[in-house]
PDB file of all heavy atoms in Angstrom:
ATOM      1  N   ALA A   1      -2.214   7.761  -4.028  1.00  0.00           N
ATOM      2  CA  ALA A   1      -3.548   8.093  -4.535  1.00  0.00           C
ATOM      3  C   ALA A   1      -4.552   8.185  -3.400  1.00  0.00           C
ATOM      4  O   ALA A   1      -5.425   9.067  -3.385  1.00  0.00           O
ATOM      5  CB  ALA A   1      -3.989   7.048  -5.552  1.00  0.00           C
ATOM      6  N   ALA A   2      -4.436   7.283  -2.409  1.00  0.00           N
ATOM      7  CA  ALA A   2      -5.338   7.307  -1.259  1.00  0.00           C
ATOM      8  C   ALA A   2      -5.195   8.601  -0.470  1.00  0.00           C
ATOM      9  O   ALA A   2      -6.186   9.196  -0.026  1.00  0.00           O
ATOM     10  CB  ALA A   2      -5.058   6.103  -0.360  1.00  0.00           C
ATOM     11  N   GLU A   3      -3.966   9.050  -0.299  1.00  0.00           N
ATOM     12  CA  GLU A   3      -3.734  10.285   0.451  1.00  0.00           C
ATOM     13  C   GLU A   3      -4.354  11.494  -0.255  1.00  0.00           C
ATOM     14  O   GLU A   3      -4.822  12.429   0.399  1.00  0.00           O
ATOM     15  CB  GLU A   3      -2.231  10.486   0.646  1.00  0.00           C
ATOM     16  CG  GLU A   3      -1.616   9.474   1.609  1.00  0.00           C
ATOM     17  CD  GLU A   3      -0.098   9.544   1.670  1.00  0.00           C
ATOM     18  OE1 GLU A   3       0.523   9.935   0.663  1.00  0.00           O
ATOM     19  OE2 GLU A   3       0.472   9.194   2.718  1.00  0.00           O
ATOM     20  N   GLU A   4      -4.377  11.466  -1.574  1.00  0.00           N
ATOM     21  CA  GLU A   4      -4.920  12.604  -2.320  1.00  0.00           C
ATOM     22  C   GLU A   4      -6.428  12.733  -2.177  1.00  0.00           C
ATOM     23  O   GLU A   4      -6.970  13.831  -2.285  1.00  0.00           O
ATOM     24  CB  GLU A   4      -4.536  12.490  -3.796  1.00  0.00           C
ATOM     25  CG  GLU A   4      -3.047  12.719  -4.056  1.00  0.00           C
ATOM     26  CD  GLU A   4      -2.707  12.706  -5.534  1.00  0.00           C
ATOM     27  OE1 GLU A   4      -3.627  12.468  -6.355  1.00  0.00           O
ATOM     28  OE2 GLU A   4      -1.526  12.932  -5.871  1.00  0.00           O
ATOM     29  N   VAL A   5      -7.120  11.618  -1.932  1.00  0.00           N
ATOM     30  CA  VAL A   5      -8.583  11.681  -1.805  1.00  0.00           C
ATOM     31  C   VAL A   5      -9.044  11.436  -0.368  1.00  0.00           C
ATOM     32  O   VAL A   5     -10.235  11.283  -0.105  1.00  0.00           O
ATOM     33  CB  VAL A   5      -9.264  10.673  -2.757  1.00  0.00           C
ATOM     34  CG1 VAL A   5      -9.014  11.070  -4.204  1.00  0.00           C
ATOM     35  CG2 VAL A   5      -8.807   9.247  -2.495  1.00  0.00           C
ATOM     36  N   GLY A   6      -8.113  11.394   0.569  1.00  0.00           N
ATOM     37  CA  GLY A   6      -8.476  11.295   1.977  1.00  0.00           C
ATOM     38  C   GLY A   6      -8.892   9.913   2.449  1.00  0.00           C
ATOM     39  O   GLY A   6      -9.667   9.788   3.406  1.00  0.00           O
ATOM     40  N   VAL A   7      -8.388   8.879   1.794  1.00  0.00           N
ATOM     41  CA  VAL A   7      -8.654   7.509   2.256  1.00  0.00           C
ATOM     42  C   VAL A   7      -7.547   7.111   3.232  1.00  0.00           C
ATOM     43  O   VAL A   7      -6.371   7.077   2.846  1.00  0.00           O
ATOM     44  CB  VAL A   7      -8.708   6.519   1.078  1.00  0.00           C
ATOM     45  CG1 VAL A   7      -8.832   5.081   1.599  1.00  0.00           C
ATOM     46  CG2 VAL A   7      -9.879   6.847   0.159  1.00  0.00           C
ATOM     47  N   PRO A   8      -7.888   6.820   4.490  1.00  0.00           N
ATOM     48  CA  PRO A   8      -6.833   6.510   5.483  1.00  0.00           C
ATOM     49  C   PRO A   8      -6.285   5.093   5.307  1.00  0.00           C
ATOM     50  O   PRO A   8      -7.024   4.116   5.374  1.00  0.00           O
ATOM     51  CB  PRO A   8      -7.572   6.654   6.817  1.00  0.00           C
ATOM     52  CG  PRO A   8      -9.015   6.334   6.488  1.00  0.00           C
ATOM     53  CD  PRO A   8      -9.240   6.829   5.082  1.00  0.00           C
ATOM     54  N   ILE A   9      -4.987   4.994   5.064  1.00  0.00           N
ATOM     55  CA  ILE A   9      -4.283   3.713   5.038  1.00  0.00           C
ATOM     56  C   ILE A   9      -3.063   3.862   5.937  1.00  0.00           C
ATOM     57  O   ILE A   9      -2.245   4.768   5.736  1.00  0.00           O
ATOM     58  CB  ILE A   9      -3.845   3.332   3.609  1.00  0.00           C
ATOM     59  CG1 ILE A   9      -5.071   3.117   2.709  1.00  0.00           C
ATOM     60  CG2 ILE A   9      -2.984   2.066   3.630  1.00  0.00           C
ATOM     61  CD1 ILE A   9      -4.716   2.774   1.268  1.00  0.00           C
ATOM     62  N   GLU A  10      -2.948   3.006   6.923  1.00  0.00           N
ATOM     63  CA  GLU A  10      -1.808   3.075   7.837  1.00  0.00           C
ATOM     64  C   GLU A  10      -0.511   2.776   7.091  1.00  0.00           C
ATOM     65  O   GLU A  10      -0.483   1.954   6.178  1.00  0.00           O
ATOM     66  CB  GLU A  10      -1.978   2.075   8.982  1.00  0.00           C
ATOM     67  CG  GLU A  10      -2.940   2.532  10.066  1.00  0.00           C
ATOM     68  CD  GLU A  10      -2.420   3.763  10.801  1.00  0.00           C
ATOM     69  OE1 GLU A  10      -1.210   3.812  11.113  1.00  0.00           O
ATOM     70  OE2 GLU A  10      -3.222   4.672  11.049  1.00  0.00           O
ATOM     71  N   TYR A  11       0.550   3.447   7.477  1.00  0.00           N
ATOM     72  CA  TYR A  11       1.858   3.183   6.887  1.00  0.00           C
ATOM     73  C   TYR A  11       2.933   3.571   7.881  1.00  0.00           C
ATOM     74  O   TYR A  11       2.676   4.261   8.860  1.00  0.00           O
ATOM     75  CB  TYR A  11       2.045   3.980   5.580  1.00  0.00           C
ATOM     76  CG  TYR A  11       2.188   5.476   5.786  1.00  0.00           C
ATOM     77  CD1 TYR A  11       3.439   6.050   6.006  1.00  0.00           C
ATOM     78  CD2 TYR A  11       1.072   6.318   5.778  1.00  0.00           C
ATOM     79  CE1 TYR A  11       3.572   7.417   6.217  1.00  0.00           C
ATOM     80  CE2 TYR A  11       1.200   7.679   5.994  1.00  0.00           C
ATOM     81  CZ  TYR A  11       2.450   8.223   6.206  1.00  0.00           C
ATOM     82  OH  TYR A  11       2.585   9.576   6.420  1.00  0.00           O
ATOM     83  N   ALA A  12       4.153   3.119   7.603  1.00  0.00           N
ATOM     84  CA  ALA A  12       5.297   3.520   8.426  1.00  0.00           C
ATOM     85  C   ALA A  12       6.494   3.788   7.536  1.00  0.00           C
ATOM     86  O   ALA A  12       6.902   4.924   7.343  1.00  0.00           O
ATOM     87  CB  ALA A  12       5.611   2.459   9.472  1.00  0.00           C
ATOM     88  N   CYS A  13       7.046   2.723   6.931  1.00  0.00           N
ATOM     89  CA  CYS A  13       8.330   2.903   6.232  1.00  0.00           C
ATOM     90  C   CYS A  13       8.198   3.440   4.810  1.00  0.00           C
ATOM     91  O   CYS A  13       9.112   4.058   4.297  1.00  0.00           O
ATOM     92  CB  CYS A  13       9.082   1.574   6.200  1.00  0.00           C
ATOM     93  SG  CYS A  13       8.389   0.342   5.074  1.00  0.00           S
ATOM     94  N   ARG A  14       7.080   3.168   4.146  1.00  0.00           N
ATOM     95  CA  ARG A  14       6.849   3.552   2.743  1.00  0.00           C
ATOM     96  C   ARG A  14       7.906   2.948   1.816  1.00  0.00           C
ATOM     97  O   ARG A  14       8.132   3.448   0.725  1.00  0.00           O
ATOM     98  CB  ARG A  14       6.834   5.084   2.567  1.00  0.00           C
ATOM     99  CG  ARG A  14       5.755   5.786   3.353  1.00  0.00           C
ATOM    100  CD  ARG A  14       5.725   7.278   3.068  1.00  0.00           C
ATOM    101  NE  ARG A  14       5.039   7.568   1.824  1.00  0.00           N
ATOM    102  CZ  ARG A  14       3.820   8.099   1.740  1.00  0.00           C
ATOM    103  NH1 ARG A  14       3.142   8.357   2.837  1.00  0.00           N
ATOM    104  NH2 ARG A  14       3.287   8.352   0.571  1.00  0.00           N
ATOM    105  N   GLN A  15       8.534   1.876   2.220  1.00  0.00           N
ATOM    106  CA  GLN A  15       9.583   1.246   1.425  1.00  0.00           C
ATOM    107  C   GLN A  15       9.292  -0.213   1.111  1.00  0.00           C
ATOM    108  O   GLN A  15      10.084  -0.884   0.462  1.00  0.00           O
ATOM    109  CB  GLN A  15      10.931   1.342   2.154  1.00  0.00           C
ATOM    110  CG  GLN A  15      11.404   2.766   2.354  1.00  0.00           C
ATOM    111  CD  GLN A  15      12.708   2.828   3.130  1.00  0.00           C
ATOM    112  OE1 GLN A  15      13.397   1.815   3.280  1.00  0.00           O
ATOM    113  NE2 GLN A  15      13.069   3.994   3.616  1.00  0.00           N
ATOM    114  N   GLY A  16       8.170  -0.725   1.594  1.00  0.00           N
ATOM    115  CA  GLY A  16       7.815  -2.097   1.295  1.00  0.00           C
ATOM    116  C   GLY A  16       8.324  -3.118   2.280  1.00  0.00           C
ATOM    117  O   GLY A  16       8.261  -4.312   2.000  1.00  0.00           O
ATOM    118  N   TYR A  17       8.810  -2.668   3.442  1.00  0.00           N
ATOM    119  CA  TYR A  17       9.423  -3.592   4.388  1.00  0.00           C
ATOM    120  C   TYR A  17       8.577  -3.860   5.633  1.00  0.00           C
ATOM    121  O   TYR A  17       8.547  -4.976   6.127  1.00  0.00           O
ATOM    122  CB  TYR A  17      10.795  -3.071   4.827  1.00  0.00           C
ATOM    123  CG  TYR A  17      11.795  -3.025   3.697  1.00  0.00           C
ATOM    124  CD1 TYR A  17      12.154  -1.817   3.107  1.00  0.00           C
ATOM    125  CD2 TYR A  17      12.366  -4.187   3.208  1.00  0.00           C
ATOM    126  CE1 TYR A  17      13.069  -1.776   2.057  1.00  0.00           C
ATOM    127  CE2 TYR A  17      13.273  -4.151   2.161  1.00  0.00           C
ATOM    128  CZ  TYR A  17      13.625  -2.946   1.590  1.00  0.00           C
ATOM    129  OH  TYR A  17      14.505  -2.913   0.550  1.00  0.00           O
ATOM    130  N   CYS A  18       7.907  -2.847   6.158  1.00  0.00           N
ATOM    131  CA  CYS A  18       7.249  -3.029   7.449  1.00  0.00           C
ATOM    132  C   CYS A  18       5.934  -3.788   7.340  1.00  0.00           C
ATOM    133  O   CYS A  18       5.531  -4.459   8.275  1.00  0.00           O
ATOM    134  CB  CYS A  18       7.028  -1.681   8.132  1.00  0.00           C
ATOM    135  SG  CYS A  18       5.718  -0.671   7.393  1.00  0.00           S
ATOM    136  N   GLY A  19       5.228  -3.669   6.222  1.00  0.00           N
ATOM    137  CA  GLY A  19       3.979  -4.387   6.031  1.00  0.00           C
ATOM    138  C   GLY A  19       2.766  -3.728   6.646  1.00  0.00           C
ATOM    139  O   GLY A  19       1.660  -4.286   6.601  1.00  0.00           O
ATOM    140  N   LEU A  20       2.909  -2.548   7.215  1.00  0.00           N
ATOM    141  CA  LEU A  20       1.785  -1.900   7.887  1.00  0.00           C
ATOM    142  C   LEU A  20       0.703  -1.463   6.897  1.00  0.00           C
ATOM    143  O   LEU A  20      -0.471  -1.372   7.257  1.00  0.00           O
ATOM    144  CB  LEU A  20       2.292  -0.693   8.689  1.00  0.00           C
ATOM    145  CG  LEU A  20       1.296  -0.033   9.651  1.00  0.00           C
ATOM    146  CD1 LEU A  20       0.806  -1.050  10.668  1.00  0.00           C
ATOM    147  CD2 LEU A  20       1.922   1.154  10.348  1.00  0.00           C
ATOM    148  N   CYS A  21       1.063  -1.210   5.649  1.00  0.00           N
ATOM    149  CA  CYS A  21       0.101  -0.689   4.668  1.00  0.00           C
ATOM    150  C   CYS A  21      -0.554  -1.800   3.847  1.00  0.00           C
ATOM    151  O   CYS A  21      -1.050  -1.559   2.745  1.00  0.00           O
ATOM    152  CB  CYS A  21       0.782   0.316   3.734  1.00  0.00           C
ATOM    153  SG  CYS A  21       2.043  -0.413   2.662  1.00  0.00           S
ATOM    154  N   LYS A  22      -0.600  -3.010   4.374  1.00  0.00           N
ATOM    155  CA  LYS A  22      -1.230  -4.121   3.658  1.00  0.00           C
ATOM    156  C   LYS A  22      -2.716  -3.853   3.426  1.00  0.00           C
ATOM    157  O   LYS A  22      -3.439  -3.443   4.339  1.00  0.00           O
ATOM    158  CB  LYS A  22      -1.103  -5.418   4.460  1.00  0.00           C
ATOM    159  CG  LYS A  22       0.288  -5.981   4.598  1.00  0.00           C
ATOM    160  CD  LYS A  22       0.241  -7.257   5.428  1.00  0.00           C
ATOM    161  CE  LYS A  22       1.623  -7.832   5.685  1.00  0.00           C
ATOM    162  NZ  LYS A  22       1.554  -9.063   6.504  1.00  0.00           N
ATOM    163  N   ILE A  23      -3.177  -4.093   2.217  1.00  0.00           N
ATOM    164  CA  ILE A  23      -4.597  -4.033   1.895  1.00  0.00           C
ATOM    165  C   ILE A  23      -4.907  -5.149   0.898  1.00  0.00           C
ATOM    166  O   ILE A  23      -4.006  -5.689   0.252  1.00  0.00           O
ATOM    167  CB  ILE A  23      -5.013  -2.658   1.302  1.00  0.00           C
ATOM    168  CG1 ILE A  23      -4.166  -2.333   0.067  1.00  0.00           C
ATOM    169  CG2 ILE A  23      -4.941  -1.560   2.339  1.00  0.00           C
ATOM    170  CD1 ILE A  23      -4.615  -1.061  -0.650  1.00  0.00           C
ATOM    171  N   LYS A  24      -6.174  -5.468   0.743  1.00  0.00           N
ATOM    172  CA  LYS A  24      -6.590  -6.543  -0.165  1.00  0.00           C
ATOM    173  C   LYS A  24      -6.879  -5.953  -1.543  1.00  0.00           C
ATOM    174  O   LYS A  24      -7.606  -4.972  -1.675  1.00  0.00           O
ATOM    175  CB  LYS A  24      -7.833  -7.233   0.393  1.00  0.00           C
ATOM    176  CG  LYS A  24      -8.343  -8.387  -0.439  1.00  0.00           C
ATOM    177  CD  LYS A  24      -7.453  -9.592  -0.307  1.00  0.00           C
ATOM    178  CE  LYS A  24      -8.003 -10.799  -1.069  1.00  0.00           C
ATOM    179  NZ  LYS A  24      -9.208 -11.380  -0.417  1.00  0.00           N
ATOM    180  N   LEU A  25      -6.286  -6.561  -2.567  1.00  0.00           N
ATOM    181  CA  LEU A  25      -6.590  -6.203  -3.949  1.00  0.00           C
ATOM    182  C   LEU A  25      -7.830  -6.977  -4.352  1.00  0.00           C
ATOM    183  O   LEU A  25      -7.829  -8.208  -4.360  1.00  0.00           O
ATOM    184  CB  LEU A  25      -5.415  -6.548  -4.856  1.00  0.00           C
ATOM    185  CG  LEU A  25      -5.598  -6.274  -6.351  1.00  0.00           C
ATOM    186  CD1 LEU A  25      -5.703  -4.768  -6.613  1.00  0.00           C
ATOM    187  CD2 LEU A  25      -4.449  -6.875  -7.154  1.00  0.00           C
ATOM    188  N   LEU A  26      -8.925  -6.260  -4.708  1.00  0.00           N
ATOM    189  CA  LEU A  26     -10.194  -6.903  -5.035  1.00  0.00           C
ATOM    190  C   LEU A  26     -10.315  -7.223  -6.515  1.00  0.00           C
ATOM    191  O   LEU A  26     -10.916  -8.226  -6.898  1.00  0.00           O
ATOM    192  CB  LEU A  26     -11.361  -6.019  -4.583  1.00  0.00           C
ATOM    193  CG  LEU A  26     -11.396  -5.696  -3.080  1.00  0.00           C
ATOM    194  CD1 LEU A  26     -12.529  -4.731  -2.770  1.00  0.00           C
ATOM    195  CD2 LEU A  26     -11.524  -6.978  -2.261  1.00  0.00           C
ATOM    196  N   SER A  27      -9.743  -6.361  -7.355  1.00  0.00           N
ATOM    197  CA  SER A  27      -9.777  -6.625  -8.794  1.00  0.00           C
ATOM    198  C   SER A  27      -8.631  -5.885  -9.467  1.00  0.00           C
ATOM    199  O   SER A  27      -8.135  -4.872  -8.960  1.00  0.00           O
ATOM    200  CB  SER A  27     -11.112  -6.191  -9.409  1.00  0.00           C
ATOM    201  OG  SER A  27     -11.260  -4.774  -9.344  1.00  0.00           O
ATOM    202  N   GLY A  28      -8.219  -6.419 -10.621  1.00  0.00           N
ATOM    203  CA  GLY A  28      -7.122  -5.816 -11.352  1.00  0.00           C
ATOM    204  C   GLY A  28      -5.777  -6.403 -10.941  1.00  0.00           C
ATOM    205  O   GLY A  28      -5.709  -7.339 -10.133  1.00  0.00           O
ATOM    206  N   GLU A  29      -4.718  -5.824 -11.485  1.00  0.00           N
ATOM    207  CA  GLU A  29      -3.371  -6.286 -11.211  1.00  0.00           C
ATOM    208  C   GLU A  29      -2.473  -5.105 -10.866  1.00  0.00           C
ATOM    209  O   GLU A  29      -2.676  -4.000 -11.375  1.00  0.00           O
ATOM    210  CB  GLU A  29      -2.789  -7.034 -12.419  1.00  0.00           C
ATOM    211  CG  GLU A  29      -3.530  -8.310 -12.772  1.00  0.00           C
ATOM    212  CD  GLU A  29      -2.886  -9.031 -13.944  1.00  0.00           C
ATOM    213  OE1 GLU A  29      -1.916  -8.471 -14.523  1.00  0.00           O
ATOM    214  OE2 GLU A  29      -3.343 -10.128 -14.286  1.00  0.00           O
ATOM    215  N   VAL A  30      -1.491  -5.365 -10.006  1.00  0.00           N
ATOM    216  CA  VAL A  30      -0.531  -4.328  -9.632  1.00  0.00           C
ATOM    217  C   VAL A  30       0.880  -4.884  -9.739  1.00  0.00           C
ATOM    218  O   VAL A  30       1.085  -6.103  -9.763  1.00  0.00           O
ATOM    219  CB  VAL A  30      -0.774  -3.811  -8.188  1.00  0.00           C
ATOM    220  CG1 VAL A  30      -2.158  -3.229  -8.040  1.00  0.00           C
ATOM    221  CG2 VAL A  30      -0.537  -4.925  -7.169  1.00  0.00           C
ATOM    222  N   THR A  31       1.836  -3.979  -9.793  1.00  0.00           N
ATOM    223  CA  THR A  31       3.240  -4.342  -9.700  1.00  0.00           C
ATOM    224  C   THR A  31       3.819  -3.673  -8.458  1.00  0.00           C
ATOM    225  O   THR A  31       3.369  -2.598  -8.052  1.00  0.00           O
ATOM    226  CB  THR A  31       4.032  -3.897 -10.937  1.00  0.00           C
ATOM    227  OG1 THR A  31       3.935  -2.460 -11.073  1.00  0.00           O
ATOM    228  CG2 THR A  31       3.486  -4.558 -12.203  1.00  0.00           C
ATOM    229  N   MET A  32       4.805  -4.331  -7.859  1.00  0.00           N
ATOM    230  CA  MET A  32       5.444  -3.792  -6.658  1.00  0.00           C
ATOM    231  C   MET A  32       6.953  -3.942  -6.786  1.00  0.00           C
ATOM    232  O   MET A  32       7.450  -5.048  -7.049  1.00  0.00           O
ATOM    233  CB  MET A  32       4.934  -4.515  -5.405  1.00  0.00           C
ATOM    234  CG  MET A  32       3.480  -4.241  -5.083  1.00  0.00           C
ATOM    235  SD  MET A  32       2.878  -5.151  -3.616  1.00  0.00           S
ATOM    236  CE  MET A  32       2.708  -6.798  -4.317  1.00  0.00           C
ATOM    237  N   ASP A  33       7.688  -2.849  -6.607  1.00  0.00           N
ATOM    238  CA  ASP A  33       9.148  -2.901  -6.665  1.00  0.00           C
ATOM    239  C   ASP A  33       9.715  -3.700  -5.500  1.00  0.00           C
ATOM    240  O   ASP A  33      10.708  -4.410  -5.641  1.00  0.00           O
ATOM    241  CB  ASP A  33       9.744  -1.490  -6.666  1.00  0.00           C
ATOM    242  CG  ASP A  33       9.405  -0.712  -7.932  1.00  0.00           C
ATOM    243  OD1 ASP A  33       9.185  -1.357  -8.974  1.00  0.00           O
ATOM    244  OD2 ASP A  33       9.373   0.530  -7.869  1.00  0.00           O
ATOM    245  N   VAL A  34       9.103  -3.563  -4.322  1.00  0.00           N
ATOM    246  CA  VAL A  34       9.534  -4.268  -3.118  1.00  0.00           C
ATOM    247  C   VAL A  34       8.298  -4.853  -2.449  1.00  0.00           C
ATOM    248  O   VAL A  34       7.294  -4.162  -2.279  1.00  0.00           O
ATOM    249  CB  VAL A  34      10.247  -3.324  -2.124  1.00  0.00           C
ATOM    250  CG1 VAL A  34      10.686  -4.082  -0.875  1.00  0.00           C
ATOM    251  CG2 VAL A  34      11.440  -2.648  -2.792  1.00  0.00           C
ATOM    252  N   ASP A  35       8.354  -6.124  -2.079  1.00  0.00           N
ATOM    253  CA  ASP A  35       7.212  -6.725  -1.377  1.00  0.00           C
ATOM    254  C   ASP A  35       7.656  -7.552  -0.181  1.00  0.00           C
ATOM    255  O   ASP A  35       6.996  -8.507   0.221  1.00  0.00           O
ATOM    256  CB  ASP A  35       6.361  -7.564  -2.324  1.00  0.00           C
ATOM    257  CG  ASP A  35       7.089  -8.787  -2.851  1.00  0.00           C
ATOM    258  OD1 ASP A  35       8.296  -8.931  -2.558  1.00  0.00           O
ATOM    259  OD2 ASP A  35       6.453  -9.608  -3.547  1.00  0.00           O
ATOM    260  N   ASP A  36       8.780  -7.156   0.411  1.00  0.00           N
ATOM    261  CA  ASP A  36       9.332  -7.898   1.549  1.00  0.00           C
ATOM    262  C   ASP A  36       8.379  -7.940   2.736  1.00  0.00           C
ATOM    263  O   ASP A  36       8.446  -8.849   3.565  1.00  0.00           O
ATOM    264  CB  ASP A  36      10.660  -7.278   1.996  1.00  0.00           C
ATOM    265  CG  ASP A  36      11.776  -7.493   0.985  1.00  0.00           C
ATOM    266  OD1 ASP A  36      11.468  -7.466  -0.217  1.00  0.00           O
ATOM    267  OD2 ASP A  36      12.934  -7.676   1.387  1.00  0.00           O
TER     268      ASP A  36
END
């Protein structure tokens, strides 16, 4: 969703392993298939 509106979030593996795309959740709830 961030990529579609031009919000820059660093990433590498896109698989939940490297941790480069960490961000703070301010409100609401999310689910994650992988959170290693």
